[in-house]
């Protein structure tokens, strides 16, 4: 989990670097390993890093060979190794071993269509100096957050709403319609958030933001009905297992240790069992004091799967001490 911030000046020039520093400070918890900013007259990018792949040289913002593209990306590109080999074969020169750098060179090859080649969970900001535009993209399922707002001659973008609220000049108010949706549905649908004037980039889409202030949203992915015809039960079981194994395999790419959250449920048990096939594995469980503590079952599951198990049991007092902080963090992504 990293944090990305961006500012596009559309009419008035402001203290981009100062605001980016404030935005980074607001979500340093997303990327405690390092942080950096880059800016010119029209654009500024800020990055808070949690190092997963290429910890030594994968710091962002990243740039292409001639410095005309700048990129910050939160997430992971699961097919980056295949993409990287193809790009190197076409003459592209990489300066890091990070998965994010493939976005820059794919964009050089394909323009906006590069996003169709990505498999992963991601939110990114890519500045094109030649076109004087910023592309802000989000993965198909919206796993990684990306919010934006128009604010007094500039457009602000961030992984977290709190960073936008920190530097926007307009007073932040609760959006009444979103609040009504939340009370009715228990979530805020669409691109709206709980804060008036702040929107989310729609999953499976990207924004093209020009320095003139024009913002165009484009959809590159939407769910389609399956064309696979049902066969017998055993065939479905095989297909499901193959899909799960393939998905877990691509998620295991990392230059740092990985672990698994293990509850007493079916989903986490299946994922943990498939991860365990790759070697020793740390598992983590959280429970609550009393009869509903699931740690007993997860502990037995961890024993059966032979994992290195860690657990934490929360008391009622600890729960209420942390609830305000948890709600605050959750609201930053609403």
C-alpha atoms as a PDB file:
ATOM      1  CA  UNK A   1       0.000   0.000   0.000  1.00  0.00           C
ATOM      2  CA  UNK A   2       1.445   3.317  -1.146  1.00  0.00           C
ATOM      3  CA  UNK A   3      -0.027   6.794  -1.410  1.00  0.00           C
ATOM      4  CA  UNK A   4      -0.169   9.035  -4.483  1.00  0.00           C
ATOM      5  CA  UNK A   5      -0.978  12.744  -4.741  1.00  0.00           C
ATOM      6  CA  UNK A   6      -1.253  15.084  -7.707  1.00  0.00           C
ATOM      7  CA  UNK A   7      -1.948  18.738  -8.485  1.00  0.00           C
ATOM      8  CA  UNK A   8      -2.731  20.122 -11.943  1.00  0.00           C
ATOM      9  CA  UNK A   9      -2.735  23.923 -12.261  1.00  0.00           C
ATOM     10  CA  UNK A  10      -5.439  24.968 -14.718  1.00  0.00           C
ATOM     11  CA  UNK A  11      -5.496  28.762 -14.320  1.00  0.00           C
ATOM     12  CA  UNK A  12      -3.683  30.108 -11.279  1.00  0.00           C
ATOM     13  CA  UNK A  13      -0.257  29.011 -10.171  1.00  0.00           C
ATOM     14  CA  UNK A  14       0.056  28.032  -6.547  1.00  0.00           C
ATOM     15  CA  UNK A  15       2.603  26.681  -4.121  1.00  0.00           C
ATOM     16  CA  UNK A  16       2.547  23.159  -5.589  1.00  0.00           C
ATOM     17  CA  UNK A  17       5.477  21.788  -3.618  1.00  0.00           C
ATOM     18  CA  UNK A  18       4.192  23.092  -0.291  1.00  0.00           C
ATOM     19  CA  UNK A  19       0.751  21.593  -0.845  1.00  0.00           C
ATOM     20  CA  UNK A  20       2.222  18.278  -1.996  1.00  0.00           C
ATOM     21  CA  UNK A  21       4.269  18.063   1.176  1.00  0.00           C
ATOM     22  CA  UNK A  22       1.118  18.634   3.238  1.00  0.00           C
ATOM     23  CA  UNK A  23      -0.732  15.980   1.226  1.00  0.00           C
ATOM     24  CA  UNK A  24       2.081  13.476   1.723  1.00  0.00           C
ATOM     25  CA  UNK A  25       2.207  14.212   5.448  1.00  0.00           C
ATOM     26  CA  UNK A  26      -1.495  13.478   5.717  1.00  0.00           C
ATOM     27  CA  UNK A  27      -1.068   9.870   4.602  1.00  0.00           C
ATOM     28  CA  UNK A  28       2.466   8.914   5.518  1.00  0.00           C
ATOM     29  CA  UNK A  29       0.939   5.810   7.144  1.00  0.00           C
ATOM     30  CA  UNK A  30       0.333   4.454   3.621  1.00  0.00           C
ATOM     31  CA  UNK A  31       4.015   4.640   2.706  1.00  0.00           C
ATOM     32  CA  UNK A  32       6.390   4.843   5.669  1.00  0.00           C
ATOM     33  CA  UNK A  33       9.472   3.653   3.732  1.00  0.00           C
ATOM     34  CA  UNK A  34      10.076   6.834   1.738  1.00  0.00           C
ATOM     35  CA  UNK A  35       8.394   9.869   0.217  1.00  0.00           C
ATOM     36  CA  UNK A  36       9.160  12.248  -2.634  1.00  0.00           C
ATOM     37  CA  UNK A  37       7.655  15.057  -4.699  1.00  0.00           C
ATOM     38  CA  UNK A  38       8.263  16.405  -8.206  1.00  0.00           C
ATOM     39  CA  UNK A  39       6.737  19.483  -9.831  1.00  0.00           C
ATOM     40  CA  UNK A  40       6.952  22.104 -12.542  1.00  0.00           C
ATOM     41  CA  UNK A  41       4.698  25.074 -13.388  1.00  0.00           C
ATOM     42  CA  UNK A  42       1.672  22.996 -14.367  1.00  0.00           C
ATOM     43  CA  UNK A  43       1.900  19.718 -12.506  1.00  0.00           C
ATOM     44  CA  UNK A  44       3.014  18.244  -9.218  1.00  0.00           C
ATOM     45  CA  UNK A  45       3.280  14.620  -8.088  1.00  0.00           C
ATOM     46  CA  UNK A  46       3.733  13.340  -4.549  1.00  0.00           C
ATOM     47  CA  UNK A  47       4.484   9.787  -3.444  1.00  0.00           C
ATOM     48  CA  UNK A  48       4.558   7.884  -0.150  1.00  0.00           C
ATOM     49  CA  UNK A  49       6.148   4.459  -0.562  1.00  0.00           C
ATOM     50  CA  UNK A  50       5.640   1.076   1.005  1.00  0.00           C
ATOM     51  CA  UNK A  51       8.383  -0.945  -0.687  1.00  0.00           C
ATOM     52  CA  UNK A  52       7.238  -4.349  -1.998  1.00  0.00           C
ATOM     53  CA  UNK A  53       9.012  -4.888  -5.336  1.00  0.00           C
ATOM     54  CA  UNK A  54      12.540  -3.569  -5.984  1.00  0.00           C
ATOM     55  CA  UNK A  55      12.971  -1.871  -2.582  1.00  0.00           C
ATOM     56  CA  UNK A  56      16.418  -0.495  -3.416  1.00  0.00           C
ATOM     57  CA  UNK A  57      15.814   1.322  -6.739  1.00  0.00           C
ATOM     58  CA  UNK A  58      12.051   1.438  -7.268  1.00  0.00           C
ATOM     59  CA  UNK A  59      11.425   4.873  -5.753  1.00  0.00           C
ATOM     60  CA  UNK A  60       8.890   7.104  -7.495  1.00  0.00           C
ATOM     61  CA  UNK A  61       8.121   9.338  -9.345  1.00  0.00           C
ATOM     62  CA  UNK A  62       9.532   7.305 -12.224  1.00  0.00           C
ATOM     63  CA  UNK A  63      10.491   8.758 -15.598  1.00  0.00           C
ATOM     64  CA  UNK A  64      11.071   7.418 -19.108  1.00  0.00           C
ATOM     65  CA  UNK A  65      14.337   7.604 -21.070  1.00  0.00           C
ATOM     66  CA  UNK A  66      14.020  11.234 -22.200  1.00  0.00           C
ATOM     67  CA  UNK A  67      12.206  12.595 -19.139  1.00  0.00           C
ATOM     68  CA  UNK A  68       8.993  13.486 -20.984  1.00  0.00           C
ATOM     69  CA  UNK A  69       6.851  11.146 -18.867  1.00  0.00           C
ATOM     70  CA  UNK A  70       6.456  11.041 -15.086  1.00  0.00           C
ATOM     71  CA  UNK A  71       4.624   8.351 -13.137  1.00  0.00           C
ATOM     72  CA  UNK A  72       3.462   7.532  -9.641  1.00  0.00           C
ATOM     73  CA  UNK A  73       1.586   4.293  -9.032  1.00  0.00           C
ATOM     74  CA  UNK A  74       0.006   2.612  -6.024  1.00  0.00           C
ATOM     75  CA  UNK A  75      -0.564  -1.120  -6.339  1.00  0.00           C
ATOM     76  CA  UNK A  76       0.946  -4.061  -8.161  1.00  0.00           C
ATOM     77  CA  UNK A  77       1.054  -5.108 -11.818  1.00  0.00           C
ATOM     78  CA  UNK A  78       0.847  -8.902 -11.796  1.00  0.00           C
ATOM     79  CA  UNK A  79       1.914  -9.434 -15.409  1.00  0.00           C
ATOM     80  CA  UNK A  80       4.780  -6.942 -15.306  1.00  0.00           C
ATOM     81  CA  UNK A  81       7.544  -9.482 -15.924  1.00  0.00           C
ATOM     82  CA  UNK A  82       6.033 -10.607 -19.228  1.00  0.00           C
ATOM     83  CA  UNK A  83       5.361  -6.997 -20.242  1.00  0.00           C
ATOM     84  CA  UNK A  84       8.886  -5.989 -19.266  1.00  0.00           C
ATOM     85  CA  UNK A  85      10.526  -8.694 -21.396  1.00  0.00           C
ATOM     86  CA  UNK A  86       8.444  -7.718 -24.424  1.00  0.00           C
ATOM     87  CA  UNK A  87       9.309  -4.041 -23.988  1.00  0.00           C
ATOM     88  CA  UNK A  88      13.034  -4.731 -23.604  1.00  0.00           C
ATOM     89  CA  UNK A  89      12.886  -6.784 -26.802  1.00  0.00           C
ATOM     90  CA  UNK A  90      11.449  -3.688 -28.510  1.00  0.00           C
ATOM     91  CA  UNK A  91      14.393  -1.556 -27.356  1.00  0.00           C
ATOM     92  CA  UNK A  92      13.086   0.088 -24.178  1.00  0.00           C
ATOM     93  CA  UNK A  93      15.608   0.756 -21.431  1.00  0.00           C
ATOM     94  CA  UNK A  94      14.604   0.195 -17.804  1.00  0.00           C
ATOM     95  CA  UNK A  95      16.343   1.904 -14.900  1.00  0.00           C
ATOM     96  CA  UNK A  96      14.624  -0.101 -12.141  1.00  0.00           C
ATOM     97  CA  UNK A  97      13.281  -3.593 -11.582  1.00  0.00           C
ATOM     98  CA  UNK A  98       9.952  -2.298 -10.316  1.00  0.00           C
ATOM     99  CA  UNK A  99       6.622  -3.390 -11.760  1.00  0.00           C
ATOM    100  CA  UNK A 100       5.403   0.212 -12.094  1.00  0.00           C
ATOM    101  CA  UNK A 101       8.027   1.194 -14.674  1.00  0.00           C
ATOM    102  CA  UNK A 102       6.347  -0.951 -17.328  1.00  0.00           C
ATOM    103  CA  UNK A 103       3.503   1.603 -17.417  1.00  0.00           C
ATOM    104  CA  UNK A 104       5.823   4.300 -18.747  1.00  0.00           C
ATOM    105  CA  UNK A 105       7.203   2.217 -21.594  1.00  0.00           C
ATOM    106  CA  UNK A 106       3.827   0.704 -22.458  1.00  0.00           C
ATOM    107  CA  UNK A 107       2.470   4.233 -22.767  1.00  0.00           C
ATOM    108  CA  UNK A 108       5.332   5.109 -25.115  1.00  0.00           C
ATOM    109  CA  UNK A 109       4.336   2.155 -27.280  1.00  0.00           C
ATOM    110  CA  UNK A 110       0.544   2.290 -27.172  1.00  0.00           C
ATOM    111  CA  UNK A 111      -0.573   5.673 -25.849  1.00  0.00           C
ATOM    112  CA  UNK A 112      -3.766   5.560 -23.785  1.00  0.00           C
ATOM    113  CA  UNK A 113      -4.427   1.989 -24.946  1.00  0.00           C
ATOM    114  CA  UNK A 114      -1.600   0.788 -22.688  1.00  0.00           C
ATOM    115  CA  UNK A 115      -4.070   0.415 -19.831  1.00  0.00           C
ATOM    116  CA  UNK A 116      -5.747  -2.531 -21.593  1.00  0.00           C
ATOM    117  CA  UNK A 117      -2.514  -4.519 -21.176  1.00  0.00           C
ATOM    118  CA  UNK A 118      -2.374  -4.215 -17.380  1.00  0.00           C
ATOM    119  CA  UNK A 119      -3.404  -6.940 -15.002  1.00  0.00           C
ATOM    120  CA  UNK A 120      -3.372  -5.979 -11.359  1.00  0.00           C
ATOM    121  CA  UNK A 121      -4.669  -3.678  -8.676  1.00  0.00           C
ATOM    122  CA  UNK A 122      -3.554  -0.118  -9.235  1.00  0.00           C
ATOM    123  CA  UNK A 123      -4.159   3.600  -9.176  1.00  0.00           C
ATOM    124  CA  UNK A 124      -1.727   5.786 -11.083  1.00  0.00           C
ATOM    125  CA  UNK A 125      -0.997   9.328 -12.245  1.00  0.00           C
ATOM    126  CA  UNK A 126       0.973   9.647 -15.488  1.00  0.00           C
ATOM    127  CA  UNK A 127       2.086  13.070 -16.733  1.00  0.00           C
ATOM    128  CA  UNK A 128       2.729  13.484 -20.471  1.00  0.00           C
ATOM    129  CA  UNK A 129       4.923  16.554 -21.013  1.00  0.00           C
ATOM    130  CA  UNK A 130       4.399  16.594 -24.793  1.00  0.00           C
ATOM    131  CA  UNK A 131       0.608  16.456 -24.556  1.00  0.00           C
ATOM    132  CA  UNK A 132       0.469  18.589 -21.389  1.00  0.00           C
ATOM    133  CA  UNK A 133      -2.015  16.203 -19.834  1.00  0.00           C
ATOM    134  CA  UNK A 134      -2.319  13.939 -16.821  1.00  0.00           C
ATOM    135  CA  UNK A 135      -3.806  10.452 -17.072  1.00  0.00           C
ATOM    136  CA  UNK A 136      -5.307   9.196 -13.812  1.00  0.00           C
ATOM    137  CA  UNK A 137      -6.283   5.516 -13.947  1.00  0.00           C
ATOM    138  CA  UNK A 138      -7.817   2.953 -11.622  1.00  0.00           C
ATOM    139  CA  UNK A 139      -7.965  -0.847 -11.757  1.00  0.00           C
ATOM    140  CA  UNK A 140     -11.093  -2.655 -13.032  1.00  0.00           C
ATOM    141  CA  UNK A 141     -12.522  -3.450  -9.592  1.00  0.00           C
ATOM    142  CA  UNK A 142     -11.457  -0.261  -7.828  1.00  0.00           C
ATOM    143  CA  UNK A 143      -9.282  -2.092  -5.309  1.00  0.00           C
ATOM    144  CA  UNK A 144      -6.938   0.889  -5.073  1.00  0.00           C
ATOM    145  CA  UNK A 145      -8.585   4.222  -4.198  1.00  0.00           C
ATOM    146  CA  UNK A 146      -8.220   7.419  -6.221  1.00  0.00           C
ATOM    147  CA  UNK A 147     -10.139  10.635  -5.495  1.00  0.00           C
ATOM    148  CA  UNK A 148     -10.146  14.086  -7.074  1.00  0.00           C
ATOM    149  CA  UNK A 149     -11.720  17.525  -6.881  1.00  0.00           C
ATOM    150  CA  UNK A 150     -11.721  20.814  -8.779  1.00  0.00           C
ATOM    151  CA  UNK A 151     -10.440  23.534  -6.485  1.00  0.00           C
ATOM    152  CA  UNK A 152     -10.013  27.213  -7.424  1.00  0.00           C
ATOM    153  CA  UNK A 153      -8.079  26.961 -10.667  1.00  0.00           C
ATOM    154  CA  UNK A 154      -6.509  23.577 -10.067  1.00  0.00           C
ATOM    155  CA  UNK A 155      -7.383  19.886  -9.889  1.00  0.00           C
ATOM    156  CA  UNK A 156      -6.293  17.858  -6.865  1.00  0.00           C
ATOM    157  CA  UNK A 157      -5.930  14.065  -6.835  1.00  0.00           C
ATOM    158  CA  UNK A 158      -5.089  11.667  -4.035  1.00  0.00           C
ATOM    159  CA  UNK A 159      -5.342   8.147  -2.676  1.00  0.00           C
ATOM    160  CA  UNK A 160      -7.128   9.571   0.361  1.00  0.00           C
ATOM    161  CA  UNK A 161      -9.846  12.142   0.829  1.00  0.00           C
ATOM    162  CA  UNK A 162      -8.078  13.525   3.890  1.00  0.00           C
ATOM    163  CA  UNK A 163      -5.170  14.756   1.741  1.00  0.00           C
ATOM    164  CA  UNK A 164      -7.571  16.661  -0.510  1.00  0.00           C
ATOM    165  CA  UNK A 165      -9.364  18.196   2.460  1.00  0.00           C
ATOM    166  CA  UNK A 166      -6.002  19.235   3.933  1.00  0.00           C
ATOM    167  CA  UNK A 167      -5.074  21.546   1.034  1.00  0.00           C
ATOM    168  CA  UNK A 168      -8.288  22.431  -0.822  1.00  0.00           C
ATOM    169  CA  UNK A 169      -9.299  26.068  -0.518  1.00  0.00           C
ATOM    170  CA  UNK A 170     -13.004  25.367  -0.559  1.00  0.00           C
ATOM    171  CA  UNK A 171     -14.626  24.560   2.777  1.00  0.00           C
ATOM    172  CA  UNK A 172     -15.341  20.836   3.051  1.00  0.00           C
ATOM    173  CA  UNK A 173     -18.928  19.852   3.813  1.00  0.00           C
ATOM    174  CA  UNK A 174     -20.777  16.560   4.083  1.00  0.00           C
ATOM    175  CA  UNK A 175     -22.587  15.718   0.840  1.00  0.00           C
ATOM    176  CA  UNK A 176     -26.258  15.390   1.809  1.00  0.00           C
ATOM    177  CA  UNK A 177     -27.162  13.024  -1.048  1.00  0.00           C
ATOM    178  CA  UNK A 178     -24.240  10.715  -0.302  1.00  0.00           C
ATOM    179  CA  UNK A 179     -25.157  10.740   3.373  1.00  0.00           C
ATOM    180  CA  UNK A 180     -28.713   9.663   2.486  1.00  0.00           C
ATOM    181  CA  UNK A 181     -27.336   6.886   0.258  1.00  0.00           C
ATOM    182  CA  UNK A 182     -25.125   5.687   3.085  1.00  0.00           C
ATOM    183  CA  UNK A 183     -27.998   5.539   5.566  1.00  0.00           C
ATOM    184  CA  UNK A 184     -30.090   3.648   3.017  1.00  0.00           C
ATOM    185  CA  UNK A 185     -27.553   1.340   1.377  1.00  0.00           C
ATOM    186  CA  UNK A 186     -24.687   1.264   3.919  1.00  0.00           C
ATOM    187  CA  UNK A 187     -22.322   2.593   1.219  1.00  0.00           C
ATOM    188  CA  UNK A 188     -22.014   5.496  -1.228  1.00  0.00           C
ATOM    189  CA  UNK A 189     -22.627   4.293  -4.812  1.00  0.00           C
ATOM    190  CA  UNK A 190     -21.001   5.553  -7.986  1.00  0.00           C
ATOM    191  CA  UNK A 191     -18.271   8.162  -8.070  1.00  0.00           C
ATOM    192  CA  UNK A 192     -19.583  10.284  -5.212  1.00  0.00           C
ATOM    193  CA  UNK A 193     -18.066  10.490  -1.738  1.00  0.00           C
ATOM    194  CA  UNK A 194     -19.239  11.726   1.635  1.00  0.00           C
ATOM    195  CA  UNK A 195     -17.544  15.075   1.013  1.00  0.00           C
ATOM    196  CA  UNK A 196     -19.228  17.606  -1.254  1.00  0.00           C
ATOM    197  CA  UNK A 197     -17.227  18.292  -4.420  1.00  0.00           C
ATOM    198  CA  UNK A 198     -14.892  15.302  -4.036  1.00  0.00           C
ATOM    199  CA  UNK A 199     -15.349  12.356  -6.408  1.00  0.00           C
ATOM    200  CA  UNK A 200     -13.725   8.985  -6.965  1.00  0.00           C
ATOM    201  CA  UNK A 201     -12.297   7.867 -10.280  1.00  0.00           C
ATOM    202  CA  UNK A 202     -14.685   5.153 -11.429  1.00  0.00           C
ATOM    203  CA  UNK A 203     -13.277   1.583 -11.313  1.00  0.00           C
ATOM    204  CA  UNK A 204     -12.255   0.375 -14.763  1.00  0.00           C
ATOM    205  CA  UNK A 205     -11.802   3.907 -16.070  1.00  0.00           C
ATOM    206  CA  UNK A 206      -9.294   6.728 -16.333  1.00  0.00           C
ATOM    207  CA  UNK A 207      -9.346  10.512 -16.490  1.00  0.00           C
ATOM    208  CA  UNK A 208      -7.567  12.646 -19.076  1.00  0.00           C
ATOM    209  CA  UNK A 209      -6.870  16.003 -17.412  1.00  0.00           C
ATOM    210  CA  UNK A 210      -5.563  18.899 -19.494  1.00  0.00           C
ATOM    211  CA  UNK A 211      -3.955  22.060 -18.161  1.00  0.00           C
ATOM    212  CA  UNK A 212      -6.880  23.988 -19.675  1.00  0.00           C
ATOM    213  CA  UNK A 213      -9.064  22.412 -16.983  1.00  0.00           C
ATOM    214  CA  UNK A 214     -10.825  19.945 -19.272  1.00  0.00           C
ATOM    215  CA  UNK A 215     -11.469  16.590 -17.579  1.00  0.00           C
ATOM    216  CA  UNK A 216     -12.581  13.637 -19.689  1.00  0.00           C
ATOM    217  CA  UNK A 217     -13.511  10.253 -18.173  1.00  0.00           C
ATOM    218  CA  UNK A 218     -13.026   7.125 -20.298  1.00  0.00           C
ATOM    219  CA  UNK A 219     -14.080   3.556 -19.483  1.00  0.00           C
ATOM    220  CA  UNK A 220     -11.711   0.767 -20.479  1.00  0.00           C
ATOM    221  CA  UNK A 221     -13.292  -2.202 -18.665  1.00  0.00           C
ATOM    222  CA  UNK A 222     -16.760  -3.401 -17.650  1.00  0.00           C
ATOM    223  CA  UNK A 223     -18.034  -6.754 -16.419  1.00  0.00           C
ATOM    224  CA  UNK A 224     -19.314  -9.069 -19.157  1.00  0.00           C
ATOM    225  CA  UNK A 225     -21.487 -12.207 -18.806  1.00  0.00           C
ATOM    226  CA  UNK A 226     -19.534 -15.454 -18.905  1.00  0.00           C
ATOM    227  CA  UNK A 227     -19.617 -17.379 -22.154  1.00  0.00           C
ATOM    228  CA  UNK A 228     -18.512 -20.612 -20.485  1.00  0.00           C
ATOM    229  CA  UNK A 229     -21.207 -23.284 -20.728  1.00  0.00           C
ATOM    230  CA  UNK A 230     -21.846 -25.373 -17.583  1.00  0.00           C
ATOM    231  CA  UNK A 231     -20.633 -28.953 -17.737  1.00  0.00           C
ATOM    232  CA  UNK A 232     -20.469 -31.536 -14.952  1.00  0.00           C
ATOM    233  CA  UNK A 233     -19.713 -30.820 -11.298  1.00  0.00           C
ATOM    234  CA  UNK A 234     -16.171 -32.223 -11.399  1.00  0.00           C
ATOM    235  CA  UNK A 235     -15.277 -30.029 -14.363  1.00  0.00           C
ATOM    236  CA  UNK A 236     -16.450 -26.929 -12.493  1.00  0.00           C
ATOM    237  CA  UNK A 237     -14.426 -27.933  -9.433  1.00  0.00           C
ATOM    238  CA  UNK A 238     -11.314 -28.262 -11.618  1.00  0.00           C
ATOM    239  CA  UNK A 239     -11.914 -24.869 -13.276  1.00  0.00           C
ATOM    240  CA  UNK A 240     -12.423 -23.141  -9.914  1.00  0.00           C
ATOM    241  CA  UNK A 241      -9.271 -24.665  -8.436  1.00  0.00           C
ATOM    242  CA  UNK A 242      -7.193 -23.752 -11.489  1.00  0.00           C
ATOM    243  CA  UNK A 243      -8.443 -20.169 -11.371  1.00  0.00           C
ATOM    244  CA  UNK A 244      -7.703 -19.861  -7.651  1.00  0.00           C
ATOM    245  CA  UNK A 245      -4.222 -21.335  -8.009  1.00  0.00           C
ATOM    246  CA  UNK A 246      -3.356 -19.064 -10.927  1.00  0.00           C
ATOM    247  CA  UNK A 247      -4.602 -15.991  -9.072  1.00  0.00           C
ATOM    248  CA  UNK A 248      -2.653 -16.825  -5.905  1.00  0.00           C
ATOM    249  CA  UNK A 249       0.475 -17.527  -7.944  1.00  0.00           C
ATOM    250  CA  UNK A 250       0.562 -14.054  -9.517  1.00  0.00           C
ATOM    251  CA  UNK A 251      -0.165 -12.434  -6.146  1.00  0.00           C
ATOM    252  CA  UNK A 252       2.928 -14.062  -4.622  1.00  0.00           C
ATOM    253  CA  UNK A 253       5.368 -11.842  -6.560  1.00  0.00           C
ATOM    254  CA  UNK A 254       7.266  -9.832  -3.962  1.00  0.00           C
ATOM    255  CA  UNK A 255      10.792  -8.885  -2.900  1.00  0.00           C
ATOM    256  CA  UNK A 256       9.755  -8.812   0.764  1.00  0.00           C
ATOM    257  CA  UNK A 257       8.110 -11.510   2.937  1.00  0.00           C
ATOM    258  CA  UNK A 258       4.389 -12.101   2.380  1.00  0.00           C
ATOM    259  CA  UNK A 259       1.748 -13.333   4.799  1.00  0.00           C
ATOM    260  CA  UNK A 260      -1.916 -14.205   4.962  1.00  0.00           C
ATOM    261  CA  UNK A 261      -4.810 -12.972   7.081  1.00  0.00           C
ATOM    262  CA  UNK A 262      -6.446 -16.138   8.373  1.00  0.00           C
ATOM    263  CA  UNK A 263      -9.914 -16.127   9.896  1.00  0.00           C
ATOM    264  CA  UNK A 264     -12.066 -19.180  10.516  1.00  0.00           C
ATOM    265  CA  UNK A 265     -13.795 -18.791   7.139  1.00  0.00           C
ATOM    266  CA  UNK A 266     -13.624 -20.781   3.928  1.00  0.00           C
ATOM    267  CA  UNK A 267     -12.173 -18.011   1.726  1.00  0.00           C
ATOM    268  CA  UNK A 268      -9.110 -17.188   3.788  1.00  0.00           C
ATOM    269  CA  UNK A 269      -8.461 -20.875   4.494  1.00  0.00           C
ATOM    270  CA  UNK A 270      -8.422 -21.735   0.778  1.00  0.00           C
ATOM    271  CA  UNK A 271      -6.146 -18.802  -0.065  1.00  0.00           C
ATOM    272  CA  UNK A 272      -3.791 -19.620   2.807  1.00  0.00           C
ATOM    273  CA  UNK A 273      -3.610 -23.285   1.786  1.00  0.00           C
ATOM    274  CA  UNK A 274      -2.675 -22.325  -1.783  1.00  0.00           C
ATOM    275  CA  UNK A 275      -0.083 -19.813  -0.551  1.00  0.00           C
ATOM    276  CA  UNK A 276       1.427 -22.428   1.721  1.00  0.00           C
ATOM    277  CA  UNK A 277       2.284 -24.525  -1.352  1.00  0.00           C
ATOM    278  CA  UNK A 278       4.910 -21.892  -2.210  1.00  0.00           C
ATOM    279  CA  UNK A 279       6.854 -22.401   1.027  1.00  0.00           C
ATOM    280  CA  UNK A 280       6.867 -21.321   4.696  1.00  0.00           C
ATOM    281  CA  UNK A 281       4.116 -18.811   5.429  1.00  0.00           C
ATOM    282  CA  UNK A 282       3.229 -16.405   8.232  1.00  0.00           C
ATOM    283  CA  UNK A 283      -0.483 -16.167   9.081  1.00  0.00           C
ATOM    284  CA  UNK A 284      -2.241 -13.519  11.161  1.00  0.00           C
ATOM    285  CA  UNK A 285      -5.547 -13.594  13.029  1.00  0.00           C
ATOM    286  CA  UNK A 286      -7.444 -11.060  15.120  1.00  0.00           C
ATOM    287  CA  UNK A 287     -10.153 -12.048  17.571  1.00  0.00           C
ATOM    288  CA  UNK A 288     -12.292 -10.588  20.326  1.00  0.00           C
ATOM    289  CA  UNK A 289     -12.608 -11.680  23.928  1.00  0.00           C
ATOM    290  CA  UNK A 290     -15.690 -13.789  24.631  1.00  0.00           C
ATOM    291  CA  UNK A 291     -17.609 -16.591  22.999  1.00  0.00           C
ATOM    292  CA  UNK A 292     -17.308 -15.166  19.444  1.00  0.00           C
ATOM    293  CA  UNK A 293     -13.507 -15.350  19.360  1.00  0.00           C
ATOM    294  CA  UNK A 294     -12.554 -16.962  16.030  1.00  0.00           C
ATOM    295  CA  UNK A 295      -8.896 -17.299  16.969  1.00  0.00           C
ATOM    296  CA  UNK A 296      -9.426 -20.793  18.342  1.00  0.00           C
ATOM    297  CA  UNK A 297     -10.568 -22.093  14.964  1.00  0.00           C
ATOM    298  CA  UNK A 298      -7.963 -20.136  12.976  1.00  0.00           C
ATOM    299  CA  UNK A 299      -5.276 -21.442  15.335  1.00  0.00           C
ATOM    300  CA  UNK A 300      -6.343 -25.016  14.557  1.00  0.00           C
ATOM    301  CA  UNK A 301      -6.434 -24.230  10.837  1.00  0.00           C
ATOM    302  CA  UNK A 302      -2.916 -22.775  11.011  1.00  0.00           C
ATOM    303  CA  UNK A 303      -1.768 -25.943  12.780  1.00  0.00           C
ATOM    304  CA  UNK A 304      -3.252 -28.131  10.042  1.00  0.00           C
ATOM    305  CA  UNK A 305      -1.617 -25.999   7.324  1.00  0.00           C
ATOM    306  CA  UNK A 306       1.684 -25.812   9.246  1.00  0.00           C
ATOM    307  CA  UNK A 307       2.049 -22.025   9.106  1.00  0.00           C
ATOM    308  CA  UNK A 308       3.975 -19.643  11.364  1.00  0.00           C
ATOM    309  CA  UNK A 309       0.944 -18.269  13.167  1.00  0.00           C
ATOM    310  CA  UNK A 310       0.416 -14.945  14.961  1.00  0.00           C
ATOM    311  CA  UNK A 311      -2.747 -13.801  16.692  1.00  0.00           C
ATOM    312  CA  UNK A 312      -4.043 -10.814  18.597  1.00  0.00           C
ATOM    313  CA  UNK A 313      -7.105 -10.821  20.844  1.00  0.00           C
ATOM    314  CA  UNK A 314      -8.769  -7.449  21.431  1.00  0.00           C
ATOM    315  CA  UNK A 315     -10.566  -6.596  24.649  1.00  0.00           C
ATOM    316  CA  UNK A 316     -13.674  -4.449  24.797  1.00  0.00           C
ATOM    317  CA  UNK A 317     -11.595  -1.600  26.194  1.00  0.00           C
ATOM    318  CA  UNK A 318      -9.054  -1.803  23.357  1.00  0.00           C
ATOM    319  CA  UNK A 319     -11.855  -1.915  20.789  1.00  0.00           C
ATOM    320  CA  UNK A 320     -13.391   1.334  21.969  1.00  0.00           C
ATOM    321  CA  UNK A 321      -9.963   2.974  22.241  1.00  0.00           C
ATOM    322  CA  UNK A 322      -9.325   2.253  18.543  1.00  0.00           C
ATOM    323  CA  UNK A 323     -12.798   2.668  17.033  1.00  0.00           C
ATOM    324  CA  UNK A 324     -12.497   6.424  16.380  1.00  0.00           C
ATOM    325  CA  UNK A 325      -9.164   5.997  14.606  1.00  0.00           C
ATOM    326  CA  UNK A 326     -10.502   3.097  12.510  1.00  0.00           C
ATOM    327  CA  UNK A 327     -13.584   5.061  11.453  1.00  0.00           C
ATOM    328  CA  UNK A 328     -11.399   8.031  10.556  1.00  0.00           C
ATOM    329  CA  UNK A 329      -9.199   5.857   8.317  1.00  0.00           C
ATOM    330  CA  UNK A 330     -12.202   4.226   6.673  1.00  0.00           C
ATOM    331  CA  UNK A 331     -13.842   7.578   5.967  1.00  0.00           C
ATOM    332  CA  UNK A 332     -10.738   8.705   4.055  1.00  0.00           C
ATOM    333  CA  UNK A 333     -11.643   6.175   1.338  1.00  0.00           C
ATOM    334  CA  UNK A 334     -15.412   6.725   1.201  1.00  0.00           C
END
